[in-house]
């Protein structure tokens, strides 16, 4: 997996983080913004989910009748591309495949065949949009849609990072959001 488009917004605002930290000055604003990103990354890695909308590229060595989209919770497959026998990048027609967002997989469409991809590692890739909270509908305030448990965990981790503490207890809040694939 490779990040293609980073989130446009974070799950908590800088003002929320500064309130949590009881910081009233602007001297640490750049550091606090960095800590919010680091805390979101921690939460995303722990829960195995991406919090806010972002685009990732998933790599495969070849086409398969079913391609699993985990670990990211995929909301949309933007494109499937591959390297042809000559090494040129080609895009697969959307008529060739079906996206099962509920099952987190892409399936070969009935009666279709995958094109011939070059025999090499990462010859097939999917550009996918992921995120627990999806701000594609307009207007939407991503920050207000983030559940309080997630927000509090992010804020607790920001506090831990800012204060240089070892333990934060946020994992207890995050356990209910962990993504496990059950078959």
C-alpha atoms as a PDB file:
ATOM      1  CA  UNK A   1       0.000   0.000   0.000  1.00  0.00           C
ATOM      2  CA  UNK A   2       1.146   3.494  -0.793  1.00  0.00           C
ATOM      3  CA  UNK A   3      -0.501   6.777   0.166  1.00  0.00           C
ATOM      4  CA  UNK A   4      -1.398   8.764  -2.960  1.00  0.00           C
ATOM      5  CA  UNK A   5      -3.553  11.592  -1.562  1.00  0.00           C
ATOM      6  CA  UNK A   6      -3.283  12.539   2.111  1.00  0.00           C
ATOM      7  CA  UNK A   7      -6.371  13.538   4.085  1.00  0.00           C
ATOM      8  CA  UNK A   8      -7.540  17.090   3.473  1.00  0.00           C
ATOM      9  CA  UNK A   9      -8.546  17.394   7.138  1.00  0.00           C
ATOM     10  CA  UNK A  10      -7.642  15.793  10.411  1.00  0.00           C
ATOM     11  CA  UNK A  11     -10.129  14.120  12.794  1.00  0.00           C
ATOM     12  CA  UNK A  12      -9.527  16.802  15.426  1.00  0.00           C
ATOM     13  CA  UNK A  13      -8.873  20.489  14.971  1.00  0.00           C
ATOM     14  CA  UNK A  14      -5.846  22.368  16.211  1.00  0.00           C
ATOM     15  CA  UNK A  15      -8.139  24.310  18.564  1.00  0.00           C
ATOM     16  CA  UNK A  16      -9.438  21.051  20.083  1.00  0.00           C
ATOM     17  CA  UNK A  17      -5.878  19.832  20.587  1.00  0.00           C
ATOM     18  CA  UNK A  18      -4.772  23.119  22.140  1.00  0.00           C
ATOM     19  CA  UNK A  19      -7.752  22.976  24.498  1.00  0.00           C
ATOM     20  CA  UNK A  20      -6.793  19.423  25.513  1.00  0.00           C
ATOM     21  CA  UNK A  21      -3.215  20.574  26.095  1.00  0.00           C
ATOM     22  CA  UNK A  22      -4.332  23.768  27.858  1.00  0.00           C
ATOM     23  CA  UNK A  23      -2.160  25.770  25.470  1.00  0.00           C
ATOM     24  CA  UNK A  24      -3.227  29.354  24.852  1.00  0.00           C
ATOM     25  CA  UNK A  25      -0.223  30.653  22.907  1.00  0.00           C
ATOM     26  CA  UNK A  26       0.709  30.127  19.254  1.00  0.00           C
ATOM     27  CA  UNK A  27       4.370  29.234  19.830  1.00  0.00           C
ATOM     28  CA  UNK A  28       3.715  25.470  19.515  1.00  0.00           C
ATOM     29  CA  UNK A  29       1.129  25.533  16.715  1.00  0.00           C
ATOM     30  CA  UNK A  30       3.396  23.862  14.142  1.00  0.00           C
ATOM     31  CA  UNK A  31       4.382  21.143  16.623  1.00  0.00           C
ATOM     32  CA  UNK A  32       0.756  20.581  17.651  1.00  0.00           C
ATOM     33  CA  UNK A  33      -0.301  20.237  13.999  1.00  0.00           C
ATOM     34  CA  UNK A  34       2.446  17.626  13.498  1.00  0.00           C
ATOM     35  CA  UNK A  35       1.353  15.789  16.658  1.00  0.00           C
ATOM     36  CA  UNK A  36      -2.241  15.617  15.407  1.00  0.00           C
ATOM     37  CA  UNK A  37      -1.027  13.916  12.212  1.00  0.00           C
ATOM     38  CA  UNK A  38       1.161  11.538  14.240  1.00  0.00           C
ATOM     39  CA  UNK A  39      -1.740  10.725  16.566  1.00  0.00           C
ATOM     40  CA  UNK A  40      -4.052  10.058  13.607  1.00  0.00           C
ATOM     41  CA  UNK A  41      -1.422   7.757  12.112  1.00  0.00           C
ATOM     42  CA  UNK A  42      -1.156   5.895  15.427  1.00  0.00           C
ATOM     43  CA  UNK A  43      -4.949   5.486  15.602  1.00  0.00           C
ATOM     44  CA  UNK A  44      -5.126   4.341  11.977  1.00  0.00           C
ATOM     45  CA  UNK A  45      -2.398   1.755  12.481  1.00  0.00           C
ATOM     46  CA  UNK A  46      -3.914   0.514  15.735  1.00  0.00           C
ATOM     47  CA  UNK A  47      -7.471   0.239  14.401  1.00  0.00           C
ATOM     48  CA  UNK A  48      -6.389  -0.936  10.934  1.00  0.00           C
ATOM     49  CA  UNK A  49      -8.699   1.711   9.471  1.00  0.00           C
ATOM     50  CA  UNK A  50      -8.188   5.076   7.862  1.00  0.00           C
ATOM     51  CA  UNK A  51     -10.141   7.766   9.682  1.00  0.00           C
ATOM     52  CA  UNK A  52     -10.804  10.422   7.048  1.00  0.00           C
ATOM     53  CA  UNK A  53     -10.973  10.236   3.265  1.00  0.00           C
ATOM     54  CA  UNK A  54      -7.633   9.563   1.598  1.00  0.00           C
ATOM     55  CA  UNK A  55      -6.457   7.794  -1.543  1.00  0.00           C
ATOM     56  CA  UNK A  56      -4.217   4.737  -1.387  1.00  0.00           C
ATOM     57  CA  UNK A  57      -2.686   2.528  -4.046  1.00  0.00           C
ATOM     58  CA  UNK A  58      -2.972  -1.226  -3.451  1.00  0.00           C
ATOM     59  CA  UNK A  59      -0.480  -3.386  -5.340  1.00  0.00           C
ATOM     60  CA  UNK A  60      -0.888  -6.934  -6.638  1.00  0.00           C
ATOM     61  CA  UNK A  61       1.488  -9.092  -8.642  1.00  0.00           C
ATOM     62  CA  UNK A  62      -1.303 -10.374 -10.884  1.00  0.00           C
ATOM     63  CA  UNK A  63      -5.039 -10.230 -11.447  1.00  0.00           C
ATOM     64  CA  UNK A  64      -7.178 -12.715  -9.513  1.00  0.00           C
ATOM     65  CA  UNK A  65     -10.854 -13.604  -9.777  1.00  0.00           C
ATOM     66  CA  UNK A  66     -11.243 -11.989  -6.339  1.00  0.00           C
ATOM     67  CA  UNK A  67      -8.877  -9.304  -5.043  1.00  0.00           C
ATOM     68  CA  UNK A  68      -9.155  -8.511  -1.335  1.00  0.00           C
ATOM     69  CA  UNK A  69      -9.093  -4.807  -0.472  1.00  0.00           C
ATOM     70  CA  UNK A  70      -8.186  -5.129   3.222  1.00  0.00           C
ATOM     71  CA  UNK A  71      -6.541  -3.785   5.325  1.00  0.00           C
ATOM     72  CA  UNK A  72      -7.993  -0.421   4.317  1.00  0.00           C
ATOM     73  CA  UNK A  73     -11.761   0.000   4.537  1.00  0.00           C
ATOM     74  CA  UNK A  74     -12.404   0.939   0.915  1.00  0.00           C
ATOM     75  CA  UNK A  75     -15.320   3.179  -0.007  1.00  0.00           C
ATOM     76  CA  UNK A  76     -14.570   3.529  -3.720  1.00  0.00           C
ATOM     77  CA  UNK A  77     -12.277   2.031  -6.355  1.00  0.00           C
ATOM     78  CA  UNK A  78     -11.184   4.930  -8.529  1.00  0.00           C
ATOM     79  CA  UNK A  79      -9.266   2.887 -11.093  1.00  0.00           C
ATOM     80  CA  UNK A  80      -7.547  -0.419 -11.710  1.00  0.00           C
ATOM     81  CA  UNK A  81      -4.364  -0.162 -13.726  1.00  0.00           C
ATOM     82  CA  UNK A  82      -1.684  -2.587 -14.828  1.00  0.00           C
ATOM     83  CA  UNK A  83       1.482  -2.935 -16.844  1.00  0.00           C
ATOM     84  CA  UNK A  84       0.951  -4.653 -20.175  1.00  0.00           C
ATOM     85  CA  UNK A  85       3.476  -7.001 -21.799  1.00  0.00           C
ATOM     86  CA  UNK A  86       5.416  -3.993 -23.172  1.00  0.00           C
ATOM     87  CA  UNK A  87       5.569  -2.301 -19.756  1.00  0.00           C
ATOM     88  CA  UNK A  88       3.037   0.411 -20.660  1.00  0.00           C
ATOM     89  CA  UNK A  89       0.426   1.452 -18.102  1.00  0.00           C
ATOM     90  CA  UNK A  90      -3.131   0.506 -19.051  1.00  0.00           C
ATOM     91  CA  UNK A  91      -6.471   1.135 -17.305  1.00  0.00           C
ATOM     92  CA  UNK A  92      -9.016  -1.669 -16.896  1.00  0.00           C
ATOM     93  CA  UNK A  93     -12.555  -0.910 -18.075  1.00  0.00           C
ATOM     94  CA  UNK A  94     -15.052  -0.693 -15.189  1.00  0.00           C
ATOM     95  CA  UNK A  95     -17.210  -3.223 -17.102  1.00  0.00           C
ATOM     96  CA  UNK A  96     -14.524  -5.836 -16.402  1.00  0.00           C
ATOM     97  CA  UNK A  97     -14.984  -5.864 -12.639  1.00  0.00           C
ATOM     98  CA  UNK A  98     -17.489  -5.437  -9.825  1.00  0.00           C
ATOM     99  CA  UNK A  99     -16.649  -3.657  -6.586  1.00  0.00           C
ATOM    100  CA  UNK A 100     -18.071  -5.244  -3.437  1.00  0.00           C
ATOM    101  CA  UNK A 101     -17.580  -2.468  -0.877  1.00  0.00           C
ATOM    102  CA  UNK A 102     -19.497  -4.387   1.800  1.00  0.00           C
ATOM    103  CA  UNK A 103     -17.263  -7.435   1.353  1.00  0.00           C
ATOM    104  CA  UNK A 104     -14.145  -5.350   0.730  1.00  0.00           C
ATOM    105  CA  UNK A 105     -13.194  -7.057  -2.524  1.00  0.00           C
ATOM    106  CA  UNK A 106     -13.102  -6.595  -6.269  1.00  0.00           C
ATOM    107  CA  UNK A 107     -14.472  -9.454  -8.337  1.00  0.00           C
ATOM    108  CA  UNK A 108     -14.124 -10.230 -11.995  1.00  0.00           C
ATOM    109  CA  UNK A 109     -17.466  -9.394 -13.657  1.00  0.00           C
ATOM    110  CA  UNK A 110     -19.556 -12.254 -14.972  1.00  0.00           C
ATOM    111  CA  UNK A 111     -18.339 -13.303 -18.408  1.00  0.00           C
ATOM    112  CA  UNK A 112     -15.351 -10.933 -18.321  1.00  0.00           C
ATOM    113  CA  UNK A 113     -11.657 -11.716 -18.410  1.00  0.00           C
ATOM    114  CA  UNK A 114      -8.798  -9.744 -16.984  1.00  0.00           C
ATOM    115  CA  UNK A 115      -6.326  -8.315 -19.495  1.00  0.00           C
ATOM    116  CA  UNK A 116      -2.873  -9.858 -19.700  1.00  0.00           C
ATOM    117  CA  UNK A 117      -0.586  -8.144 -17.227  1.00  0.00           C
ATOM    118  CA  UNK A 118       3.181  -8.190 -17.330  1.00  0.00           C
ATOM    119  CA  UNK A 119       4.696 -10.942 -15.199  1.00  0.00           C
ATOM    120  CA  UNK A 120       6.407  -8.946 -12.429  1.00  0.00           C
ATOM    121  CA  UNK A 121       5.826  -7.796  -8.878  1.00  0.00           C
ATOM    122  CA  UNK A 122       3.305  -4.972  -8.456  1.00  0.00           C
ATOM    123  CA  UNK A 123       2.186  -5.172 -12.089  1.00  0.00           C
ATOM    124  CA  UNK A 124      -1.435  -4.516 -11.046  1.00  0.00           C
ATOM    125  CA  UNK A 125      -2.603  -1.685  -8.798  1.00  0.00           C
ATOM    126  CA  UNK A 126      -5.857  -0.227  -7.564  1.00  0.00           C
ATOM    127  CA  UNK A 127      -6.318   3.413  -6.631  1.00  0.00           C
ATOM    128  CA  UNK A 128      -8.876   3.363  -3.840  1.00  0.00           C
ATOM    129  CA  UNK A 129     -10.512   5.938  -1.590  1.00  0.00           C
ATOM    130  CA  UNK A 130     -10.683   4.863   2.026  1.00  0.00           C
ATOM    131  CA  UNK A 131     -11.900   6.319   5.303  1.00  0.00           C
ATOM    132  CA  UNK A 132     -14.246   5.684   8.215  1.00  0.00           C
ATOM    133  CA  UNK A 133     -15.598   9.186   7.761  1.00  0.00           C
ATOM    134  CA  UNK A 134     -16.266  10.201   4.201  1.00  0.00           C
ATOM    135  CA  UNK A 135     -16.675  13.875   3.409  1.00  0.00           C
ATOM    136  CA  UNK A 136     -17.496  13.471  -0.276  1.00  0.00           C
ATOM    137  CA  UNK A 137     -21.127  14.504   0.215  1.00  0.00           C
ATOM    138  CA  UNK A 138     -21.479  18.246   0.306  1.00  0.00           C
ATOM    139  CA  UNK A 139     -21.794  20.048   2.598  1.00  0.00           C
ATOM    140  CA  UNK A 140     -20.370  17.920   5.370  1.00  0.00           C
ATOM    141  CA  UNK A 141     -18.238  18.747   8.372  1.00  0.00           C
ATOM    142  CA  UNK A 142     -15.879  15.832   8.794  1.00  0.00           C
ATOM    143  CA  UNK A 143     -14.930  16.920  12.293  1.00  0.00           C
ATOM    144  CA  UNK A 144     -18.511  16.730  13.545  1.00  0.00           C
ATOM    145  CA  UNK A 145     -18.928  13.226  12.090  1.00  0.00           C
ATOM    146  CA  UNK A 146     -15.968  11.698  13.918  1.00  0.00           C
ATOM    147  CA  UNK A 147     -17.168   9.675  16.888  1.00  0.00           C
ATOM    148  CA  UNK A 148     -16.243  11.045  20.287  1.00  0.00           C
ATOM    149  CA  UNK A 149     -14.270   7.908  21.238  1.00  0.00           C
ATOM    150  CA  UNK A 150     -11.996   8.351  18.213  1.00  0.00           C
ATOM    151  CA  UNK A 151     -11.605  12.085  18.844  1.00  0.00           C
ATOM    152  CA  UNK A 152     -10.796  11.539  22.503  1.00  0.00           C
ATOM    153  CA  UNK A 153      -8.230   8.863  21.671  1.00  0.00           C
ATOM    154  CA  UNK A 154      -6.528  11.178  19.155  1.00  0.00           C
ATOM    155  CA  UNK A 155      -6.496  13.990  21.719  1.00  0.00           C
ATOM    156  CA  UNK A 156      -5.100  11.690  24.431  1.00  0.00           C
ATOM    157  CA  UNK A 157      -2.303  10.600  22.109  1.00  0.00           C
ATOM    158  CA  UNK A 158      -1.535  14.214  21.174  1.00  0.00           C
ATOM    159  CA  UNK A 159      -1.317  14.942  24.916  1.00  0.00           C
ATOM    160  CA  UNK A 160       1.013  11.982  25.443  1.00  0.00           C
ATOM    161  CA  UNK A 161       3.290  13.050  22.597  1.00  0.00           C
ATOM    162  CA  UNK A 162       3.293  16.693  23.698  1.00  0.00           C
ATOM    163  CA  UNK A 163       4.070  15.851  27.334  1.00  0.00           C
ATOM    164  CA  UNK A 164       6.551  13.087  26.463  1.00  0.00           C
ATOM    165  CA  UNK A 165       4.588  10.472  28.427  1.00  0.00           C
ATOM    166  CA  UNK A 166       4.941   6.725  27.932  1.00  0.00           C
ATOM    167  CA  UNK A 167       1.349   5.501  28.413  1.00  0.00           C
ATOM    168  CA  UNK A 168      -1.861   7.112  27.260  1.00  0.00           C
ATOM    169  CA  UNK A 169      -4.738   4.635  27.743  1.00  0.00           C
ATOM    170  CA  UNK A 170      -6.189   5.522  24.334  1.00  0.00           C
ATOM    171  CA  UNK A 171      -6.020   1.878  23.257  1.00  0.00           C
ATOM    172  CA  UNK A 172      -8.977   1.118  25.535  1.00  0.00           C
ATOM    173  CA  UNK A 173     -11.063   3.657  23.619  1.00  0.00           C
ATOM    174  CA  UNK A 174      -9.840   2.378  20.271  1.00  0.00           C
ATOM    175  CA  UNK A 175     -10.448  -1.349  20.790  1.00  0.00           C
ATOM    176  CA  UNK A 176     -14.074  -1.022  19.691  1.00  0.00           C
ATOM    177  CA  UNK A 177     -12.959   0.473  16.353  1.00  0.00           C
ATOM    178  CA  UNK A 178     -10.346  -2.159  15.443  1.00  0.00           C
ATOM    179  CA  UNK A 179     -10.984  -3.783  12.083  1.00  0.00           C
ATOM    180  CA  UNK A 180     -10.727  -7.545  11.890  1.00  0.00           C
ATOM    181  CA  UNK A 181     -11.475  -9.494   8.739  1.00  0.00           C
ATOM    182  CA  UNK A 182     -13.548 -12.552   9.620  1.00  0.00           C
ATOM    183  CA  UNK A 183     -13.177 -14.730   6.588  1.00  0.00           C
END
